[in-house]
Amino acid sequence: SLDLALKDVTLALDSVDRDSHPVLVALADQWNKAS
């Protein structure tokens, strides 16, 4: 599911410096809205 995939993306972002991954942050924001 999209929600489970979003959970995993969020876990990945929690393990890194978000400022260094702006594209992944944007993807997570878009998936949050879709959810």
All heavy atoms as atom14 arrays in JSON, in Angstrom:
{
  "sequence": "SLDLALKDVTLALDSVDRDSHPVLVALADQWNKAS",
  "atom14_mask": [
    [1, 1, 1, 1, 1, 1, 0, 0, 0, 0, 0, 0, 0, 0],
    [1, 1, 1, 1, 1, 1, 1, 1, 0, 0, 0, 0, 0, 0],
    [1, 1, 1, 1, 1, 1, 1, 1, 0, 0, 0, 0, 0, 0],
    [1, 1, 1, 1, 1, 1, 1, 1, 0, 0, 0, 0, 0, 0],
    [1, 1, 1, 1, 1, 0, 0, 0, 0, 0, 0, 0, 0, 0],
    [1, 1, 1, 1, 1, 1, 1, 1, 0, 0, 0, 0, 0, 0],
    [1, 1, 1, 1, 1, 1, 1, 1, 1, 0, 0, 0, 0, 0],
    [1, 1, 1, 1, 1, 1, 1, 1, 0, 0, 0, 0, 0, 0],
    [1, 1, 1, 1, 1, 1, 1, 0, 0, 0, 0, 0, 0, 0],
    [1, 1, 1, 1, 1, 1, 1, 0, 0, 0, 0, 0, 0, 0],
    [1, 1, 1, 1, 1, 1, 1, 1, 0, 0, 0, 0, 0, 0],
    [1, 1, 1, 1, 1, 0, 0, 0, 0, 0, 0, 0, 0, 0],
    [1, 1, 1, 1, 1, 1, 1, 1, 0, 0, 0, 0, 0, 0],
    [1, 1, 1, 1, 1, 1, 1, 1, 0, 0, 0, 0, 0, 0],
    [1, 1, 1, 1, 1, 1, 0, 0, 0, 0, 0, 0, 0, 0],
    [1, 1, 1, 1, 1, 1, 1, 0, 0, 0, 0, 0, 0, 0],
    [1, 1, 1, 1, 1, 1, 1, 1, 0, 0, 0, 0, 0, 0],
    [1, 1, 1, 1, 1, 1, 1, 1, 1, 1, 1, 0, 0, 0],
    [1, 1, 1, 1, 1, 1, 1, 1, 0, 0, 0, 0, 0, 0],
    [1, 1, 1, 1, 1, 1, 0, 0, 0, 0, 0, 0, 0, 0],
    [1, 1, 1, 1, 1, 1, 1, 1, 1, 1, 0, 0, 0, 0],
    [1, 1, 1, 1, 1, 1, 1, 0, 0, 0, 0, 0, 0, 0],
    [1, 1, 1, 1, 1, 1, 1, 0, 0, 0, 0, 0, 0, 0],
    [1, 1, 1, 1, 1, 1, 1, 1, 0, 0, 0, 0, 0, 0],
    [1, 1, 1, 1, 1, 1, 1, 0, 0, 0, 0, 0, 0, 0],
    [1, 1, 1, 1, 1, 0, 0, 0, 0, 0, 0, 0, 0, 0],
    [1, 1, 1, 1, 1, 1, 1, 1, 0, 0, 0, 0, 0, 0],
    [1, 1, 1, 1, 1, 0, 0, 0, 0, 0, 0, 0, 0, 0],
    [1, 1, 1, 1, 1, 1, 1, 1, 0, 0, 0, 0, 0, 0],
    [1, 1, 1, 1, 1, 1, 1, 1, 1, 0, 0, 0, 0, 0],
    [1, 1, 1, 1, 1, 1, 1, 1, 1, 1, 1, 1, 1, 1],
    [1, 1, 1, 1, 1, 1, 1, 1, 0, 0, 0, 0, 0, 0],
    [1, 1, 1, 1, 1, 1, 1, 1, 1, 0, 0, 0, 0, 0],
    [1, 1, 1, 1, 1, 0, 0, 0, 0, 0, 0, 0, 0, 0],
    [1, 1, 1, 1, 1, 1, 0, 0, 0, 0, 0, 0, 0, 0]
  ],
  "atom14_positions": [
    [[0.81, -1.21, 0.0], [0.0, 0.0, 0.0], [0.85, 1.27, 0.0], [2.0, 1.28, 0.46], [-0.94, 0.02, 1.21], [-0.22, 0.31, 2.4], [0.0, 0.0, 0.0], [0.0, 0.0, 0.0], [0.0, 0.0, 0.0], [0.0, 0.0, 0.0], [0.0, 0.0, 0.0], [0.0, 0.0, 0.0], [0.0, 0.0, 0.0], [0.0, 0.0, 0.0]],
    [[0.24, 2.34, -0.49], [0.91, 3.64, -0.48], [1.25, 4.07, 0.94], [2.34, 4.6, 1.19], [0.0, 4.68, -1.14], [0.53, 6.12, -1.17], [1.84, 6.2, -1.94], [-0.52, 7.06, -1.77], [0.0, 0.0, 0.0], [0.0, 0.0, 0.0], [0.0, 0.0, 0.0], [0.0, 0.0, 0.0], [0.0, 0.0, 0.0], [0.0, 0.0, 0.0]],
    [[0.36, 3.81, 1.89], [0.63, 4.19, 3.28], [1.85, 3.46, 3.83], [2.67, 4.06, 4.54], [-0.59, 3.92, 4.17], [-1.59, 5.06, 4.14], [-1.25, 6.15, 3.66], [-2.73, 4.84, 4.61], [0.0, 0.0, 0.0], [0.0, 0.0, 0.0], [0.0, 0.0, 0.0], [0.0, 0.0, 0.0], [0.0, 0.0, 0.0], [0.0, 0.0, 0.0]],
    [[1.99, 2.17, 3.53], [3.15, 1.43, 4.02], [4.43, 1.9, 3.33], [5.49, 2.01, 3.96], [2.96, -0.07, 3.81], [1.96, -0.75, 4.76], [1.8, -2.22, 4.39], [2.41, -0.6, 6.21], [0.0, 0.0, 0.0], [0.0, 0.0, 0.0], [0.0, 0.0, 0.0], [0.0, 0.0, 0.0], [0.0, 0.0, 0.0], [0.0, 0.0, 0.0]],
    [[4.34, 2.19, 2.03], [5.51, 2.71, 1.31], [5.91, 4.07, 1.87], [7.11, 4.37, 2.03], [5.21, 2.81, -0.18], [0.0, 0.0, 0.0], [0.0, 0.0, 0.0], [0.0, 0.0, 0.0], [0.0, 0.0, 0.0], [0.0, 0.0, 0.0], [0.0, 0.0, 0.0], [0.0, 0.0, 0.0], [0.0, 0.0, 0.0], [0.0, 0.0, 0.0]],
    [[4.92, 4.9, 2.19], [5.2, 6.21, 2.77], [5.84, 6.06, 4.15], [6.76, 6.81, 4.5], [3.9, 7.0, 2.88], [3.97, 8.35, 3.6], [4.96, 9.28, 2.93], [2.58, 9.0, 3.66], [0.0, 0.0, 0.0], [0.0, 0.0, 0.0], [0.0, 0.0, 0.0], [0.0, 0.0, 0.0], [0.0, 0.0, 0.0], [0.0, 0.0, 0.0]],
    [[5.39, 5.08, 4.91], [6.02, 4.82, 6.22], [7.5, 4.55, 6.06], [8.34, 5.06, 6.81], [5.34, 3.63, 6.89], [5.92, 3.26, 8.26], [5.69, 1.81, 8.61], [6.62, 0.89, 7.85], [6.55, -0.52, 8.28], [0.0, 0.0, 0.0], [0.0, 0.0, 0.0], [0.0, 0.0, 0.0], [0.0, 0.0, 0.0], [0.0, 0.0, 0.0]],
    [[7.85, 3.74, 5.06], [9.24, 3.38, 4.85], [10.06, 4.58, 4.37], [11.23, 4.74, 4.76], [9.35, 2.24, 3.84], [8.77, 0.94, 4.38], [8.44, 0.9, 5.58], [8.64, -0.02, 3.61], [0.0, 0.0, 0.0], [0.0, 0.0, 0.0], [0.0, 0.0, 0.0], [0.0, 0.0, 0.0], [0.0, 0.0, 0.0], [0.0, 0.0, 0.0]],
    [[9.47, 5.42, 3.52], [10.16, 6.65, 3.09], [10.42, 7.55, 4.3], [11.5, 8.13, 4.44], [9.33, 7.38, 2.02], [9.86, 8.79, 1.79], [9.35, 6.6, 0.71], [0.0, 0.0, 0.0], [0.0, 0.0, 0.0], [0.0, 0.0, 0.0], [0.0, 0.0, 0.0], [0.0, 0.0, 0.0], [0.0, 0.0, 0.0], [0.0, 0.0, 0.0]],
    [[9.44, 7.64, 5.18], [9.59, 8.47, 6.38], [10.68, 7.92, 7.29], [11.48, 8.67, 7.86], [8.25, 8.56, 7.13], [7.25, 9.08, 6.24], [8.37, 9.48, 8.34], [0.0, 0.0, 0.0], [0.0, 0.0, 0.0], [0.0, 0.0, 0.0], [0.0, 0.0, 0.0], [0.0, 0.0, 0.0], [0.0, 0.0, 0.0], [0.0, 0.0, 0.0]],
    [[10.74, 6.59, 7.44], [11.8, 5.98, 8.23], [13.17, 6.28, 7.63], [14.14, 6.54, 8.36], [11.6, 4.47, 8.3], [10.45, 3.95, 9.18], [10.27, 2.45, 8.99], [10.7, 4.28, 10.65], [0.0, 0.0, 0.0], [0.0, 0.0, 0.0], [0.0, 0.0, 0.0], [0.0, 0.0, 0.0], [0.0, 0.0, 0.0], [0.0, 0.0, 0.0]],
    [[13.25, 6.25, 6.31], [14.52, 6.57, 5.65], [14.92, 8.03, 5.93], [16.09, 8.32, 6.23], [14.42, 6.32, 4.15], [0.0, 0.0, 0.0], [0.0, 0.0, 0.0], [0.0, 0.0, 0.0], [0.0, 0.0, 0.0], [0.0, 0.0, 0.0], [0.0, 0.0, 0.0], [0.0, 0.0, 0.0], [0.0, 0.0, 0.0], [0.0, 0.0, 0.0]],
    [[13.96, 8.93, 5.83], [14.25, 10.34, 6.1], [14.66, 10.55, 7.55], [15.51, 11.41, 7.85], [13.04, 11.21, 5.76], [12.81, 11.46, 4.27], [11.46, 12.13, 4.04], [13.93, 12.33, 3.7], [0.0, 0.0, 0.0], [0.0, 0.0, 0.0], [0.0, 0.0, 0.0], [0.0, 0.0, 0.0], [0.0, 0.0, 0.0], [0.0, 0.0, 0.0]],
    [[14.09, 9.78, 8.45], [14.44, 9.89, 9.87], [15.88, 9.45, 10.13], [16.44, 9.78, 11.18], [13.49, 9.05, 10.72], [12.09, 9.64, 10.79], [11.93, 10.83, 10.45], [11.16, 8.91, 11.18], [0.0, 0.0, 0.0], [0.0, 0.0, 0.0], [0.0, 0.0, 0.0], [0.0, 0.0, 0.0], [0.0, 0.0, 0.0], [0.0, 0.0, 0.0]],
    [[16.46, 8.69, 9.21], [17.81, 8.16, 9.43], [18.9, 9.03, 8.79], [20.08, 8.7, 8.9], [17.91, 6.74, 8.88], [17.88, 6.73, 7.46], [0.0, 0.0, 0.0], [0.0, 0.0, 0.0], [0.0, 0.0, 0.0], [0.0, 0.0, 0.0], [0.0, 0.0, 0.0], [0.0, 0.0, 0.0], [0.0, 0.0, 0.0], [0.0, 0.0, 0.0]],
    [[18.5, 10.1, 8.1], [19.48, 10.94, 7.4], [19.23, 12.41, 7.71], [18.28, 12.77, 8.41], [19.39, 10.72, 5.86], [19.73, 9.29, 5.5], [18.0, 11.08, 5.33], [0.0, 0.0, 0.0], [0.0, 0.0, 0.0], [0.0, 0.0, 0.0], [0.0, 0.0, 0.0], [0.0, 0.0, 0.0], [0.0, 0.0, 0.0], [0.0, 0.0, 0.0]],
    [[20.09, 13.25, 7.17], [19.91, 14.7, 7.25], [18.93, 15.11, 6.15], [19.25, 15.04, 4.96], [21.26, 15.4, 7.06], [21.14, 16.92, 7.02], [20.03, 17.44, 7.28], [22.15, 17.58, 6.7], [0.0, 0.0, 0.0], [0.0, 0.0, 0.0], [0.0, 0.0, 0.0], [0.0, 0.0, 0.0], [0.0, 0.0, 0.0], [0.0, 0.0, 0.0]],
    [[17.74, 15.53, 6.53], [16.71, 15.85, 5.54], [17.15, 16.96, 4.59], [16.76, 16.96, 3.42], [15.41, 16.26, 6.25], [14.69, 15.08, 6.88], [13.45, 15.54, 7.63], [12.72, 14.37, 8.15], [11.48, 14.04, 7.78], [10.83, 14.79, 6.93], [10.9, 12.98, 8.28], [0.0, 0.0, 0.0], [0.0, 0.0, 0.0], [0.0, 0.0, 0.0]],
    [[17.94, 17.89, 5.06], [18.38, 18.98, 4.2], [19.23, 18.49, 3.04], [19.35, 19.16, 2.01], [19.17, 20.02, 5.01], [18.28, 20.79, 5.98], [17.05, 20.81, 5.77], [18.82, 21.36, 6.94], [0.0, 0.0, 0.0], [0.0, 0.0, 0.0], [0.0, 0.0, 0.0], [0.0, 0.0, 0.0], [0.0, 0.0, 0.0], [0.0, 0.0, 0.0]],
    [[19.82, 17.31, 3.2], [20.65, 16.73, 2.14], [19.84, 15.9, 1.15], [20.39, 15.4, 0.17], [21.75, 15.85, 2.75], [22.6, 16.61, 3.59], [0.0, 0.0, 0.0], [0.0, 0.0, 0.0], [0.0, 0.0, 0.0], [0.0, 0.0, 0.0], [0.0, 0.0, 0.0], [0.0, 0.0, 0.0], [0.0, 0.0, 0.0], [0.0, 0.0, 0.0]],
    [[18.54, 15.75, 1.42], [17.69, 14.91, 0.57], [16.39, 15.64, 0.2], [15.3, 15.15, 0.48], [17.39, 13.6, 1.29], [18.59, 12.76, 1.55], [19.04, 11.8, 0.67], [19.47, 12.75, 2.59], [20.13, 11.24, 1.15], [20.42, 11.8, 2.32], [0.0, 0.0, 0.0], [0.0, 0.0, 0.0], [0.0, 0.0, 0.0], [0.0, 0.0, 0.0]],
    [[16.5, 16.81, -0.45], [15.28, 17.58, -0.74], [14.32, 16.88, -1.68], [13.1, 17.08, -1.59], [15.84, 18.87, -1.36], [17.19, 18.49, -1.9], [17.72, 17.47, -0.95], [0.0, 0.0, 0.0], [0.0, 0.0, 0.0], [0.0, 0.0, 0.0], [0.0, 0.0, 0.0], [0.0, 0.0, 0.0], [0.0, 0.0, 0.0], [0.0, 0.0, 0.0]],
    [[14.82, 16.06, -2.59], [13.93, 15.37, -3.54], [13.11, 14.31, -2.81], [11.9, 14.17, -3.04], [14.74, 14.76, -4.69], [13.8, 14.07, -5.67], [15.54, 15.83, -5.41], [0.0, 0.0, 0.0], [0.0, 0.0, 0.0], [0.0, 0.0, 0.0], [0.0, 0.0, 0.0], [0.0, 0.0, 0.0], [0.0, 0.0, 0.0], [0.0, 0.0, 0.0]],
    [[13.75, 13.59, -1.92], [13.03, 12.58, -1.14], [12.0, 13.25, -0.21], [10.9, 12.74, -0.02], [14.01, 11.74, -0.32], [13.42, 10.51, 0.39], [12.76, 9.57, -0.6], [14.5, 9.78, 1.19], [0.0, 0.0, 0.0], [0.0, 0.0, 0.0], [0.0, 0.0, 0.0], [0.0, 0.0, 0.0], [0.0, 0.0, 0.0], [0.0, 0.0, 0.0]],
    [[12.36, 14.41, 0.34], [11.42, 15.16, 1.17], [10.2, 15.57, 0.34], [9.05, 15.44, 0.79], [12.1, 16.39, 1.79], [11.06, 17.31, 2.45], [13.15, 15.97, 2.81], [0.0, 0.0, 0.0], [0.0, 0.0, 0.0], [0.0, 0.0, 0.0], [0.0, 0.0, 0.0], [0.0, 0.0, 0.0], [0.0, 0.0, 0.0], [0.0, 0.0, 0.0]],
    [[10.44, 16.05, -0.88], [9.33, 16.47, -1.75], [8.44, 15.29, -2.1], [7.2, 15.41, -2.14], [9.88, 17.13, -3.01], [0.0, 0.0, 0.0], [0.0, 0.0, 0.0], [0.0, 0.0, 0.0], [0.0, 0.0, 0.0], [0.0, 0.0, 0.0], [0.0, 0.0, 0.0], [0.0, 0.0, 0.0], [0.0, 0.0, 0.0], [0.0, 0.0, 0.0]],
    [[9.05, 14.13, -2.36], [8.27, 12.93, -2.64], [7.39, 12.58, -1.45], [6.2, 12.28, -1.61], [9.21, 11.78, -3.0], [8.59, 10.43, -3.35], [9.47, 9.68, -4.35], [8.39, 9.55, -2.11], [0.0, 0.0, 0.0], [0.0, 0.0, 0.0], [0.0, 0.0, 0.0], [0.0, 0.0, 0.0], [0.0, 0.0, 0.0], [0.0, 0.0, 0.0]],
    [[7.97, 12.6, -0.25], [7.2, 12.27, 0.95], [6.04, 13.25, 1.13], [4.93, 12.84, 1.51], [8.11, 12.29, 2.18], [0.0, 0.0, 0.0], [0.0, 0.0, 0.0], [0.0, 0.0, 0.0], [0.0, 0.0, 0.0], [0.0, 0.0, 0.0], [0.0, 0.0, 0.0], [0.0, 0.0, 0.0], [0.0, 0.0, 0.0], [0.0, 0.0, 0.0]],
    [[6.27, 14.52, 0.88], [5.2, 15.52, 1.0], [4.06, 15.21, 0.02], [2.88, 15.3, 0.38], [5.75, 16.92, 0.75], [6.64, 17.42, 1.88], [6.59, 16.84, 2.99], [7.38, 18.4, 1.65], [0.0, 0.0, 0.0], [0.0, 0.0, 0.0], [0.0, 0.0, 0.0], [0.0, 0.0, 0.0], [0.0, 0.0, 0.0], [0.0, 0.0, 0.0]],
    [[4.42, 14.87, -1.2], [3.4, 14.56, -2.21], [2.63, 13.3, -1.83], [1.41, 13.24, -1.97], [4.04, 14.41, -3.58], [3.01, 14.22, -4.7], [3.67, 14.14, -6.06], [4.4, 13.19, -6.34], [3.4, 15.11, -6.92], [0.0, 0.0, 0.0], [0.0, 0.0, 0.0], [0.0, 0.0, 0.0], [0.0, 0.0, 0.0], [0.0, 0.0, 0.0]],
    [[3.34, 12.28, -1.34], [2.67, 11.05, -0.95], [1.79, 11.26, 0.29], [0.73, 10.65, 0.4], [3.7, 9.96, -0.69], [4.31, 9.41, -1.95], [4.33, 10.0, -3.19], [4.99, 8.17, -2.1], [4.98, 9.2, -4.1], [5.41, 8.07, -3.46], [5.32, 7.14, -1.24], [6.11, 6.97, -3.95], [6.02, 6.04, -1.72], [6.4, 5.96, -3.07]],
    [[2.22, 12.12, 1.2], [1.38, 12.45, 2.34], [0.06, 13.05, 1.89], [-1.01, 12.71, 2.4], [2.1, 13.44, 3.26], [2.76, 12.75, 4.44], [2.13, 11.97, 5.14], [4.03, 13.05, 4.67], [0.0, 0.0, 0.0], [0.0, 0.0, 0.0], [0.0, 0.0, 0.0], [0.0, 0.0, 0.0], [0.0, 0.0, 0.0], [0.0, 0.0, 0.0]],
    [[0.13, 13.96, 0.94], [-1.09, 14.58, 0.43], [-1.99, 13.54, -0.25], [-3.21, 13.53, -0.06], [-0.76, 15.7, -0.56], [-2.0, 16.44, -1.07], [-1.63, 17.57, -2.0], [-2.89, 18.37, -2.38], [-3.97, 17.53, -2.95], [0.0, 0.0, 0.0], [0.0, 0.0, 0.0], [0.0, 0.0, 0.0], [0.0, 0.0, 0.0], [0.0, 0.0, 0.0]],
    [[-1.36, 12.64, -1.03], [-2.15, 11.6, -1.7], [-2.83, 10.7, -0.67], [-3.99, 10.3, -0.83], [-1.24, 10.77, -2.61], [0.0, 0.0, 0.0], [0.0, 0.0, 0.0], [0.0, 0.0, 0.0], [0.0, 0.0, 0.0], [0.0, 0.0, 0.0], [0.0, 0.0, 0.0], [0.0, 0.0, 0.0], [0.0, 0.0, 0.0], [0.0, 0.0, 0.0]],
    [[-2.13, 10.39, 0.41], [-2.72, 9.57, 1.47], [-3.91, 10.29, 2.1], [-4.97, 9.7, 2.31], [-1.67, 9.24, 2.52], [-2.23, 8.5, 3.58], [0.0, 0.0, 0.0], [0.0, 0.0, 0.0], [0.0, 0.0, 0.0], [0.0, 0.0, 0.0], [0.0, 0.0, 0.0], [0.0, 0.0, 0.0], [0.0, 0.0, 0.0], [0.0, 0.0, 0.0]]
  ]
}
